[in-house]
Full PDB file with SEQRES, HELIX, SHEET, SSBOND, CRYST1, ORIGX, SCALE, CONECT and MASTER records, all heavy atoms in Angstrom:
SEQRES   1 A   30  VAL LEU LEU GLU PRO ILE GLY HIS LEU LYS ALA THR VAL          
SEQRES   2 A   30  PRO ASP THR SER MET GLY ASP ILE MET GLY GLU ILE ASN          
SEQRES   3 A   30  LYS ARG ARG GLY                                              
HELIX    1 AA1 ASP A   15  SER A   17  5                                   3    
HELIX    2 AA2 MET A   18  LYS A   27  1                                  10    
CRYST1    1.000    1.000    1.000  90.00  90.00  90.00 P 1           1          
ORIGX1      1.000000  0.000000  0.000000        0.00000                         
ORIGX2      0.000000  1.000000  0.000000        0.00000                         
ORIGX3      0.000000  0.000000  1.000000        0.00000                         
SCALE1      1.000000  0.000000  0.000000        0.00000                         
SCALE2      0.000000  1.000000  0.000000        0.00000                         
SCALE3      0.000000  0.000000  1.000000        0.00000                         
ATOM      1  N   VAL A   1       0.855  -1.194   0.000  1.00  0.00           N  
ATOM      2  CA  VAL A   1       0.000   0.000   0.000  1.00  0.00           C  
ATOM      3  C   VAL A   1       0.889   1.241   0.000  1.00  0.00           C  
ATOM      4  O   VAL A   1       2.054   1.197   0.395  1.00  0.00           O  
ATOM      5  CB  VAL A   1      -0.943   0.043   1.231  1.00  0.00           C  
ATOM      6  CG1 VAL A   1      -2.001  -1.020   1.148  1.00  0.00           C  
ATOM      7  CG2 VAL A   1      -0.156  -0.041   2.528  1.00  0.00           C  
ATOM      8  N   LEU A   2       0.279   2.340  -0.432  1.00  0.00           N  
ATOM      9  CA  LEU A   2       0.982   3.624  -0.455  1.00  0.00           C  
ATOM     10  C   LEU A   2       0.688   4.383   0.844  1.00  0.00           C  
ATOM     11  O   LEU A   2      -0.450   4.409   1.318  1.00  0.00           O  
ATOM     12  CB  LEU A   2       0.495   4.452  -1.654  1.00  0.00           C  
ATOM     13  CG  LEU A   2       1.376   5.632  -2.077  1.00  0.00           C  
ATOM     14  CD1 LEU A   2       2.688   5.134  -2.675  1.00  0.00           C  
ATOM     15  CD2 LEU A   2       0.633   6.495  -3.099  1.00  0.00           C  
ATOM     16  N   LEU A   3       1.722   4.988   1.420  1.00  0.00           N  
ATOM     17  CA  LEU A   3       1.567   5.823   2.610  1.00  0.00           C  
ATOM     18  C   LEU A   3       1.793   7.283   2.226  1.00  0.00           C  
ATOM     19  O   LEU A   3       2.688   7.589   1.424  1.00  0.00           O  
ATOM     20  CB  LEU A   3       2.583   5.433   3.690  1.00  0.00           C  
ATOM     21  CG  LEU A   3       2.594   3.988   4.167  1.00  0.00           C  
ATOM     22  CD1 LEU A   3       3.674   3.800   5.228  1.00  0.00           C  
ATOM     23  CD2 LEU A   3       1.233   3.590   4.735  1.00  0.00           C  
ATOM     24  N   GLU A   4       0.995   8.178   2.785  1.00  0.00           N  
ATOM     25  CA  GLU A   4       1.189   9.599   2.516  1.00  0.00           C  
ATOM     26  C   GLU A   4       1.578  10.333   3.798  1.00  0.00           C  
ATOM     27  O   GLU A   4       1.144   9.956   4.897  1.00  0.00           O  
ATOM     28  CB  GLU A   4      -0.070  10.229   1.912  1.00  0.00           C  
ATOM     29  CG  GLU A   4      -1.287  10.245   2.807  1.00  0.00           C  
ATOM     30  CD  GLU A   4      -2.458  10.986   2.158  1.00  0.00           C  
ATOM     31  OE1 GLU A   4      -2.248  11.693   1.174  1.00  0.00           O  
ATOM     32  OE2 GLU A   4      -3.587  10.836   2.671  1.00  0.00           O  
ATOM     33  N   PRO A   5       2.392  11.395   3.690  1.00  0.00           N  
ATOM     34  CA  PRO A   5       2.777  12.161   4.877  1.00  0.00           C  
ATOM     35  C   PRO A   5       1.613  13.009   5.382  1.00  0.00           C  
ATOM     36  O   PRO A   5       0.910  13.647   4.598  1.00  0.00           O  
ATOM     37  CB  PRO A   5       3.930  13.036   4.381  1.00  0.00           C  
ATOM     38  CG  PRO A   5       3.729  13.151   2.908  1.00  0.00           C  
ATOM     39  CD  PRO A   5       3.048  11.890   2.462  1.00  0.00           C  
ATOM     40  N   ILE A   6       1.436  13.010   6.686  1.00  0.00           N  
ATOM     41  CA  ILE A   6       0.400  13.815   7.348  1.00  0.00           C  
ATOM     42  C   ILE A   6       1.100  14.884   8.189  1.00  0.00           C  
ATOM     43  O   ILE A   6       2.085  14.599   8.876  1.00  0.00           O  
ATOM     44  CB  ILE A   6      -0.492  12.946   8.258  1.00  0.00           C  
ATOM     45  CG1 ILE A   6      -1.124  11.793   7.452  1.00  0.00           C  
ATOM     46  CG2 ILE A   6      -1.575  13.792   8.924  1.00  0.00           C  
ATOM     47  CD1 ILE A   6      -2.091  12.222   6.372  1.00  0.00           C  
ATOM     48  N   GLY A   7       0.604  16.107   8.131  1.00  0.00           N  
ATOM     49  CA  GLY A   7       1.189  17.194   8.905  1.00  0.00           C  
ATOM     50  C   GLY A   7       0.231  17.716   9.961  1.00  0.00           C  
ATOM     51  O   GLY A   7      -0.993  17.564   9.856  1.00  0.00           O  
ATOM     52  N   HIS A   8       0.819  18.341  10.986  1.00  0.00           N  
ATOM     53  CA  HIS A   8       0.027  18.952  12.058  1.00  0.00           C  
ATOM     54  C   HIS A   8      -0.124  20.440  11.757  1.00  0.00           C  
ATOM     55  O   HIS A   8       0.858  21.159  11.604  1.00  0.00           O  
ATOM     56  CB  HIS A   8       0.719  18.747  13.401  1.00  0.00           C  
ATOM     57  CG  HIS A   8      -0.082  19.256  14.558  1.00  0.00           C  
ATOM     58  ND1 HIS A   8       0.483  19.816  15.676  1.00  0.00           N  
ATOM     59  CD2 HIS A   8      -1.432  19.314  14.768  1.00  0.00           C  
ATOM     60  CE1 HIS A   8      -0.465  20.197  16.515  1.00  0.00           C  
ATOM     61  NE2 HIS A   8      -1.627  19.895  15.987  1.00  0.00           N  
ATOM     62  N   LEU A   9      -1.356  20.906  11.658  1.00  0.00           N  
ATOM     63  CA  LEU A   9      -1.662  22.289  11.295  1.00  0.00           C  
ATOM     64  C   LEU A   9      -2.177  23.055  12.510  1.00  0.00           C  
ATOM     65  O   LEU A   9      -3.073  22.588  13.213  1.00  0.00           O  
ATOM     66  CB  LEU A   9      -2.728  22.307  10.186  1.00  0.00           C  
ATOM     67  CG  LEU A   9      -3.324  23.666   9.807  1.00  0.00           C  
ATOM     68  CD1 LEU A   9      -2.282  24.537   9.104  1.00  0.00           C  
ATOM     69  CD2 LEU A   9      -4.554  23.491   8.921  1.00  0.00           C  
ATOM     70  N   LYS A  10      -1.599  24.238  12.746  1.00  0.00           N  
ATOM     71  CA  LYS A  10      -2.142  25.178  13.738  1.00  0.00           C  
ATOM     72  C   LYS A  10      -2.391  26.487  13.004  1.00  0.00           C  
ATOM     73  O   LYS A  10      -1.441  27.178  12.627  1.00  0.00           O  
ATOM     74  CB  LYS A  10      -1.167  25.395  14.900  1.00  0.00           C  
ATOM     75  CG  LYS A  10      -1.110  24.234  15.880  1.00  0.00           C  
ATOM     76  CD  LYS A  10      -0.216  24.538  17.066  1.00  0.00           C  
ATOM     77  CE  LYS A  10      -0.960  25.210  18.189  1.00  0.00           C  
ATOM     78  NZ  LYS A  10      -1.856  24.309  18.899  1.00  0.00           N  
ATOM     79  N   ALA A  11      -3.652  26.786  12.749  1.00  0.00           N  
ATOM     80  CA  ALA A  11      -4.032  27.984  11.995  1.00  0.00           C  
ATOM     81  C   ALA A  11      -4.769  28.949  12.916  1.00  0.00           C  
ATOM     82  O   ALA A  11      -5.769  28.581  13.541  1.00  0.00           O  
ATOM     83  CB  ALA A  11      -4.918  27.609  10.810  1.00  0.00           C  
ATOM     84  N   THR A  12      -4.262  30.183  12.993  1.00  0.00           N  
ATOM     85  CA  THR A  12      -4.914  31.223  13.787  1.00  0.00           C  
ATOM     86  C   THR A  12      -5.587  32.202  12.841  1.00  0.00           C  
ATOM     87  O   THR A  12      -4.906  32.863  12.039  1.00  0.00           O  
ATOM     88  CB  THR A  12      -3.903  31.951  14.685  1.00  0.00           C  
ATOM     89  OG1 THR A  12      -3.271  30.980  15.544  1.00  0.00           O  
ATOM     90  CG2 THR A  12      -4.581  33.010  15.536  1.00  0.00           C  
ATOM     91  N   VAL A  13      -6.921  32.266  12.905  1.00  0.00           N  
ATOM     92  CA  VAL A  13      -7.685  33.071  11.941  1.00  0.00           C  
ATOM     93  C   VAL A  13      -8.771  33.855  12.684  1.00  0.00           C  
ATOM     94  O   VAL A  13      -9.198  33.464  13.773  1.00  0.00           O  
ATOM     95  CB  VAL A  13      -8.332  32.179  10.858  1.00  0.00           C  
ATOM     96  CG1 VAL A  13      -7.276  31.430  10.064  1.00  0.00           C  
ATOM     97  CG2 VAL A  13      -9.312  31.187  11.468  1.00  0.00           C  
ATOM     98  N   PRO A  14      -9.240  34.972  12.090  1.00  0.00           N  
ATOM     99  CA  PRO A  14     -10.326  35.730  12.733  1.00  0.00           C  
ATOM    100  C   PRO A  14     -11.594  34.885  12.866  1.00  0.00           C  
ATOM    101  O   PRO A  14     -11.837  33.976  12.062  1.00  0.00           O  
ATOM    102  CB  PRO A  14     -10.554  36.900  11.757  1.00  0.00           C  
ATOM    103  CG  PRO A  14      -9.305  37.010  10.964  1.00  0.00           C  
ATOM    104  CD  PRO A  14      -8.758  35.625  10.867  1.00  0.00           C  
ATOM    105  N   ASP A  15     -12.377  35.205  13.881  1.00  0.00           N  
ATOM    106  CA  ASP A  15     -13.639  34.480  14.098  1.00  0.00           C  
ATOM    107  C   ASP A  15     -14.500  34.443  12.849  1.00  0.00           C  
ATOM    108  O   ASP A  15     -15.151  33.439  12.544  1.00  0.00           O  
ATOM    109  CB  ASP A  15     -14.436  35.141  15.234  1.00  0.00           C  
ATOM    110  CG  ASP A  15     -13.798  34.891  16.597  1.00  0.00           C  
ATOM    111  OD1 ASP A  15     -13.027  33.927  16.705  1.00  0.00           O  
ATOM    112  OD2 ASP A  15     -14.073  35.662  17.533  1.00  0.00           O  
ATOM    113  N   THR A  16     -14.495  35.554  12.101  1.00  0.00           N  
ATOM    114  CA  THR A  16     -15.356  35.657  10.915  1.00  0.00           C  
ATOM    115  C   THR A  16     -14.950  34.689   9.805  1.00  0.00           C  
ATOM    116  O   THR A  16     -15.743  34.393   8.917  1.00  0.00           O  
ATOM    117  CB  THR A  16     -15.325  37.091  10.369  1.00  0.00           C  
ATOM    118  OG1 THR A  16     -13.957  37.496  10.187  1.00  0.00           O  
ATOM    119  CG2 THR A  16     -16.004  38.069  11.320  1.00  0.00           C  
ATOM    120  N   SER A  17     -13.714  34.202   9.845  1.00  0.00           N  
ATOM    121  CA  SER A  17     -13.229  33.297   8.788  1.00  0.00           C  
ATOM    122  C   SER A  17     -13.227  31.838   9.223  1.00  0.00           C  
ATOM    123  O   SER A  17     -12.847  30.961   8.441  1.00  0.00           O  
ATOM    124  CB  SER A  17     -11.802  33.694   8.376  1.00  0.00           C  
ATOM    125  OG  SER A  17     -11.734  35.051   8.014  1.00  0.00           O  
ATOM    126  N   MET A  18     -13.632  31.574  10.458  1.00  0.00           N  
ATOM    127  CA  MET A  18     -13.547  30.218  11.002  1.00  0.00           C  
ATOM    128  C   MET A  18     -14.260  29.184  10.141  1.00  0.00           C  
ATOM    129  O   MET A  18     -13.709  28.134   9.811  1.00  0.00           O  
ATOM    130  CB  MET A  18     -14.158  30.200  12.408  1.00  0.00           C  
ATOM    131  CG  MET A  18     -13.189  30.618  13.487  1.00  0.00           C  
ATOM    132  SD  MET A  18     -12.038  29.310  13.869  1.00  0.00           S  
ATOM    133  CE  MET A  18     -13.138  28.135  14.644  1.00  0.00           C  
ATOM    134  N   GLY A  19     -15.501  29.484   9.757  1.00  0.00           N  
ATOM    135  CA  GLY A  19     -16.293  28.519   8.983  1.00  0.00           C  
ATOM    136  C   GLY A  19     -15.635  28.175   7.667  1.00  0.00           C  
ATOM    137  O   GLY A  19     -15.551  26.997   7.285  1.00  0.00           O  
ATOM    138  N   ASP A  20     -15.143  29.204   6.959  1.00  0.00           N  
ATOM    139  CA  ASP A  20     -14.492  28.983   5.659  1.00  0.00           C  
ATOM    140  C   ASP A  20     -13.247  28.120   5.812  1.00  0.00           C  
ATOM    141  O   ASP A  20     -13.008  27.204   5.015  1.00  0.00           O  
ATOM    142  CB  ASP A  20     -14.111  30.321   5.018  1.00  0.00           C  
ATOM    143  CG  ASP A  20     -15.328  31.100   4.550  1.00  0.00           C  
ATOM    144  OD1 ASP A  20     -16.350  30.461   4.229  1.00  0.00           O  
ATOM    145  OD2 ASP A  20     -15.276  32.343   4.517  1.00  0.00           O  
ATOM    146  N   ILE A  21     -12.425  28.418   6.820  1.00  0.00           N  
ATOM    147  CA  ILE A  21     -11.163  27.688   6.987  1.00  0.00           C  
ATOM    148  C   ILE A  21     -11.428  26.237   7.387  1.00  0.00           C  
ATOM    149  O   ILE A  21     -10.810  25.306   6.850  1.00  0.00           O  
ATOM    150  CB  ILE A  21     -10.265  28.384   8.035  1.00  0.00           C  
ATOM    151  CG1 ILE A  21      -9.894  29.800   7.576  1.00  0.00           C  
ATOM    152  CG2 ILE A  21      -9.011  27.561   8.285  1.00  0.00           C  
ATOM    153  CD1 ILE A  21      -9.079  29.875   6.312  1.00  0.00           C  
ATOM    154  N   MET A  22     -12.371  26.019   8.289  1.00  0.00           N  
ATOM    155  CA  MET A  22     -12.671  24.643   8.698  1.00  0.00           C  
ATOM    156  C   MET A  22     -13.258  23.841   7.539  1.00  0.00           C  
ATOM    157  O   MET A  22     -12.937  22.661   7.356  1.00  0.00           O  
ATOM    158  CB  MET A  22     -13.626  24.649   9.894  1.00  0.00           C  
ATOM    159  CG  MET A  22     -12.954  25.117  11.171  1.00  0.00           C  
ATOM    160  SD  MET A  22     -14.050  25.165  12.597  1.00  0.00           S  
ATOM    161  CE  MET A  22     -14.357  23.443  12.876  1.00  0.00           C  
ATOM    162  N   GLY A  23     -14.107  24.499   6.747  1.00  0.00           N  
ATOM    163  CA  GLY A  23     -14.653  23.828   5.564  1.00  0.00           C  
ATOM    164  C   GLY A  23     -13.546  23.457   4.587  1.00  0.00           C  
ATOM    165  O   GLY A  23     -13.562  22.364   3.996  1.00  0.00           O  
ATOM    166  N   GLU A  24     -12.574  24.349   4.438  1.00  0.00           N  
ATOM    167  CA  GLU A  24     -11.457  24.091   3.523  1.00  0.00           C  
ATOM    168  C   GLU A  24     -10.581  22.956   4.033  1.00  0.00           C  
ATOM    169  O   GLU A  24     -10.099  22.132   3.245  1.00  0.00           O  
ATOM    170  CB  GLU A  24     -10.627  25.368   3.348  1.00  0.00           C  
ATOM    171  CG  GLU A  24      -9.558  25.288   2.280  1.00  0.00           C  
ATOM    172  CD  GLU A  24     -10.106  25.157   0.867  1.00  0.00           C  
ATOM    173  OE1 GLU A  24     -11.306  25.459   0.654  1.00  0.00           O  
ATOM    174  OE2 GLU A  24      -9.347  24.739  -0.024  1.00  0.00           O  
ATOM    175  N   ILE A  25     -10.360  22.903   5.341  1.00  0.00           N  
ATOM    176  CA  ILE A  25      -9.569  21.805   5.912  1.00  0.00           C  
ATOM    177  C   ILE A  25     -10.253  20.466   5.631  1.00  0.00           C  
ATOM    178  O   ILE A  25      -9.599  19.492   5.230  1.00  0.00           O  
ATOM    179  CB  ILE A  25      -9.379  22.020   7.433  1.00  0.00           C  
ATOM    180  CG1 ILE A  25      -8.422  23.195   7.682  1.00  0.00           C  
ATOM    181  CG2 ILE A  25      -8.846  20.756   8.101  1.00  0.00           C  
ATOM    182  CD1 ILE A  25      -8.332  23.616   9.134  1.00  0.00           C  
ATOM    183  N   ASN A  26     -11.558  20.411   5.806  1.00  0.00           N  
ATOM    184  CA  ASN A  26     -12.300  19.173   5.504  1.00  0.00           C  
ATOM    185  C   ASN A  26     -12.217  18.825   4.026  1.00  0.00           C  
ATOM    186  O   ASN A  26     -12.072  17.653   3.656  1.00  0.00           O  
ATOM    187  CB  ASN A  26     -13.764  19.325   5.924  1.00  0.00           C  
ATOM    188  CG  ASN A  26     -13.926  19.366   7.440  1.00  0.00           C  
ATOM    189  OD1 ASN A  26     -13.153  18.739   8.163  1.00  0.00           O  
ATOM    190  ND2 ASN A  26     -14.912  20.106   7.927  1.00  0.00           N  
ATOM    191  N   LYS A  27     -12.308  19.848   3.181  1.00  0.00           N  
ATOM    192  CA  LYS A  27     -12.230  19.634   1.735  1.00  0.00           C  
ATOM    193  C   LYS A  27     -10.868  19.064   1.333  1.00  0.00           C  
ATOM    194  O   LYS A  27     -10.741  18.326   0.363  1.00  0.00           O  
ATOM    195  CB  LYS A  27     -12.464  20.973   1.019  1.00  0.00           C  
ATOM    196  CG  LYS A  27     -12.898  20.831  -0.437  1.00  0.00           C  
ATOM    197  CD  LYS A  27     -12.999  22.186  -1.110  1.00  0.00           C  
ATOM    198  CE  LYS A  27     -14.098  23.029  -0.498  1.00  0.00           C  
ATOM    199  NZ  LYS A  27     -14.214  24.350  -1.184  1.00  0.00           N  
ATOM    200  N   ARG A  28      -9.851  19.422   2.116  1.00  0.00           N  
ATOM    201  CA  ARG A  28      -8.492  18.946   1.827  1.00  0.00           C  
ATOM    202  C   ARG A  28      -8.178  17.645   2.577  1.00  0.00           C  
ATOM    203  O   ARG A  28      -7.013  17.339   2.841  1.00  0.00           O  
ATOM    204  CB  ARG A  28      -7.481  20.036   2.198  1.00  0.00           C  
ATOM    205  CG  ARG A  28      -7.552  21.268   1.306  1.00  0.00           C  
ATOM    206  CD  ARG A  28      -6.715  22.421   1.850  1.00  0.00           C  
ATOM    207  NE  ARG A  28      -6.916  23.635   1.070  1.00  0.00           N  
ATOM    208  CZ  ARG A  28      -6.061  24.104   0.166  1.00  0.00           C  
ATOM    209  NH1 ARG A  28      -4.936  23.463  -0.068  1.00  0.00           N  
ATOM    210  NH2 ARG A  28      -6.325  25.207  -0.509  1.00  0.00           N  
ATOM    211  N   ARG A  29      -9.217  16.922   2.955  1.00  0.00           N  
ATOM    212  CA  ARG A  29      -9.100  15.623   3.625  1.00  0.00           C  
ATOM    213  C   ARG A  29      -8.472  15.735   5.012  1.00  0.00           C  
ATOM    214  O   ARG A  29      -7.842  14.809   5.508  1.00  0.00           O  
ATOM    215  CB  ARG A  29      -8.296  14.625   2.775  1.00  0.00           C  
ATOM    216  CG  ARG A  29      -8.876  14.349   1.414  1.00  0.00           C  
ATOM    217  CD  ARG A  29      -8.205  13.185   0.728  1.00  0.00           C  
ATOM    218  NE  ARG A  29      -6.871  13.519   0.241  1.00  0.00           N  
ATOM    219  CZ  ARG A  29      -5.762  12.912   0.644  1.00  0.00           C  
ATOM    220  NH1 ARG A  29      -5.824  11.942   1.537  1.00  0.00           N  
ATOM    221  NH2 ARG A  29      -4.603  13.260   0.162  1.00  0.00           N  
ATOM    222  N   GLY A  30      -8.607  16.904   5.634  1.00  0.00           N  
ATOM    223  CA  GLY A  30      -8.050  17.099   6.968  1.00  0.00           C  
ATOM    224  C   GLY A  30      -9.017  16.697   8.060  1.00  0.00           C  
ATOM    225  O   GLY A  30     -10.213  16.496   7.832  1.00  0.00           O  
TER     226      GLY A  30                                                      
MASTER        0    0    0    2    0    0    0    6  225    1    0    3          
END                                                                             
């Protein structure tokens, strides 16, 4: 099987952007 590297992300963003950033993380298989 193929293994892919996983990274640890710490993103600090304004409250108003929280929904967009979390949605993007999910979209990127996070």
